[in-house]
Protein backbone atom coordinates (compact mmCIF):
# COMPACT_ATOMS: atom_id res chain seq x y z
CA MET A 1 60.45 127.41 65.93
CA PRO A 2 63.02 125.35 63.93
CA LYS A 3 65.79 126.85 66.09
CA ARG A 4 64.18 125.45 69.26
CA VAL A 5 63.81 122.03 67.67
CA LEU A 6 67.45 122.08 66.59
CA ILE A 7 68.65 123.09 70.07
CA THR A 8 66.47 120.45 71.73
CA LEU A 9 67.74 117.83 69.32
CA LEU A 10 71.37 118.76 69.97
CA ILE A 11 70.87 118.64 73.73
CA CYS A 12 69.23 115.21 73.50
CA LEU A 13 72.03 113.90 71.29
CA LEU A 14 74.95 115.36 73.27
CA TRP A 15 73.65 114.83 76.82
CA PRO A 16 74.41 111.06 76.92
CA ALA A 17 77.93 111.65 75.59
CA ILE A 18 78.58 114.26 78.28
CA CYS A 19 77.21 112.02 81.03
CA LEU A 20 79.18 108.98 79.89
CA ALA A 21 82.49 110.87 79.85
CA ILE A 22 82.80 110.80 83.64
CA PRO A 23 85.55 108.43 84.84
CA PRO A 24 84.59 105.95 87.58
CA MET A 25 84.99 106.98 91.21
CA PRO A 26 88.34 105.86 92.67
CA ALA A 27 88.77 103.19 95.32
CA ARG A 28 90.16 104.91 98.41
CA ILE A 29 92.57 103.34 100.86
CA GLY A 30 93.85 104.95 104.02
CA GLY A 31 94.87 104.38 107.59
CA THR A 32 97.41 105.09 110.26
CA VAL A 33 101.16 104.83 109.77
CA SER A 34 103.46 103.38 112.45
CA ILE A 35 107.23 103.59 112.10
CA ASN A 36 109.25 101.33 114.40
CA GLY A 37 106.19 101.16 116.68
CA HIS A 38 105.61 104.95 116.81
CA GLN A 39 102.38 106.23 115.23
CA LEU A 40 103.22 109.00 112.78
CA LEU A 41 101.39 112.31 113.38
CA GLN A 42 100.42 114.92 110.81
CA ALA A 43 103.01 117.41 112.14
CA GLU A 44 105.78 114.81 111.60
CA ALA A 45 104.67 113.69 108.15
CA ALA A 46 105.29 116.71 105.90
CA ASN A 47 108.17 114.92 104.12
CA TYR A 48 106.37 111.58 103.72
CA SER A 49 104.69 110.55 100.49
CA PHE A 50 102.47 107.56 99.75
CA LYS A 51 102.01 105.87 96.41
CA ALA A 52 100.18 102.87 94.92
CA THR A 53 101.43 100.95 91.87
CA ARG A 54 100.64 97.68 90.14
CA SER A 55 102.19 94.64 91.84
CA ASN A 56 105.00 94.62 89.23
CA GLY A 57 105.85 98.25 90.07
CA SER A 58 104.39 99.79 86.90
CA PRO A 59 102.39 102.97 87.50
CA LEU A 60 98.65 103.40 87.45
CA LYS A 61 97.35 106.34 85.44
CA PRO A 62 96.56 108.84 86.72
CA GLU A 63 99.25 108.09 89.28
CA PRO A 64 97.82 107.85 92.81
CA GLN A 65 100.20 109.69 95.10
CA LYS A 66 99.66 111.68 98.28
CA THR A 67 101.97 113.71 100.52
CA GLY A 68 101.59 113.91 104.30
CA LEU A 69 98.74 112.89 106.58
CA ASN A 70 95.30 114.40 107.06
CA ASN A 71 93.92 115.97 110.27
CA PHE A 72 93.12 112.49 111.63
CA ASN A 73 96.75 111.36 111.13
CA TRP A 74 95.78 109.10 108.22
CA TYR A 75 97.36 108.73 104.80
CA LEU A 76 94.83 108.59 101.95
CA ILE A 77 95.34 107.29 98.42
CA ASP A 78 92.68 107.39 95.70
CA ILE A 79 93.23 104.51 93.27
CA PRO A 80 91.92 105.12 89.74
CA ILE A 81 89.51 102.42 88.55
CA TYR A 82 89.83 101.02 85.03
CA ASN A 83 87.44 102.20 82.33
CA ALA A 84 88.28 101.41 78.69
CA THR A 85 87.25 104.86 77.47
CA ASP A 86 87.97 107.28 80.30
CA GLN A 87 90.64 105.63 82.44
CA PRO A 88 92.49 102.84 80.60
CA GLY A 89 95.44 103.11 83.03
CA GLY A 90 93.35 102.37 86.12
CA ALA A 91 93.21 99.22 88.25
CA ASN A 92 90.46 96.61 88.18
CA PRO A 93 88.70 95.76 91.43
CA GLY A 94 90.50 92.76 92.93
CA ASP A 95 93.88 93.59 91.31
CA THR A 96 96.90 93.22 93.58
CA LEU A 97 98.57 96.58 94.13
CA LYS A 98 101.73 97.60 95.94
CA ILE A 99 101.95 100.49 98.41
CA GLN A 100 105.15 102.50 98.63
CA VAL A 101 106.08 105.01 101.34
CA TYR A 102 108.88 107.55 101.05
CA ASP A 103 110.57 109.82 103.59
CA ASN A 104 112.27 112.70 101.74
CA GLY A 105 112.36 110.54 98.61
CA LYS A 106 113.88 107.47 100.34
CA GLU A 107 111.66 104.40 100.18
CA LEU A 108 110.83 102.85 103.55
CA ASN A 109 110.39 99.15 104.33
CA ILE A 110 106.72 98.21 104.82
CA ILE A 111 106.29 95.35 107.29
CA SER A 112 102.49 95.25 107.19
CA PRO A 113 100.60 94.57 105.03
CA SER A 114 102.79 91.67 103.95
CA ASN A 115 104.92 92.46 100.88
CA ALA A 116 103.24 95.90 100.90
CA GLU A 117 100.47 94.34 98.79
CA ILE A 118 96.76 95.10 98.89
CA LYS A 119 93.71 94.21 96.81
CA CYS A 120 92.05 97.04 94.91
CA GLY A 121 88.53 97.74 96.13
CA GLN A 122 85.42 98.53 94.13
CA SER A 123 84.80 101.94 92.60
CA GLY A 124 83.67 104.31 95.38
CA SER A 125 84.84 102.02 98.19
CA THR A 126 86.92 103.06 101.21
CA THR A 127 89.21 100.48 102.82
CA GLN A 128 91.21 100.96 106.01
CA ILE A 129 94.75 99.62 105.68
CA ASN A 130 97.06 100.59 108.54
CA LEU A 131 100.73 100.59 107.60
CA GLU A 132 103.59 99.36 109.76
CA LEU A 133 107.00 100.54 108.59
CA GLN A 134 110.58 99.98 109.57
CA GLN A 135 112.97 102.87 109.13
CA GLU A 136 116.62 101.85 108.87
CA ASN A 137 117.98 105.09 110.43
CA SER A 138 116.29 104.30 113.73
CA LEU A 139 117.72 100.80 113.77
CA LYS A 140 121.29 101.97 113.10
CA ASN A 141 121.11 104.47 115.96
CA ALA A 142 119.67 101.97 118.40
CA ALA A 143 121.87 100.83 121.27
CA PRO A 144 123.46 97.40 120.76
CA LYS A 145 121.81 94.49 122.56
CA PRO A 146 123.72 93.25 125.61
CA GLU A 147 125.30 89.82 125.19
């Protein structure tokens, strides 16, 4: 009988600690990606990576980074939400974050959203943010404008 009481007591004491150790759900952002007016498709995006950082460029922890697009031709980034105990490197809802897009490791110029900045959503939220990019290679190869 004392063994059952001890086990029950341990379960009651440890259960809250186990339940409270779960980090908050991330805030998810995602959307389509257009480069020089062309919507990027999943088959074309294997070498593209997407990243979110603080507005000053410092990383969030764990670092939210994603490669390629999903079956719906969307990028998705899960932004860790701040929690003093479980996720001290996360963002607070309402923080200004910066999105970065890379093609084979080369950072691309994001035209929209302005300054590549977004506001972090609430824990568990999903926000659609379509990206418009400008890729320098395409501009260099474009035919000169007639005068």
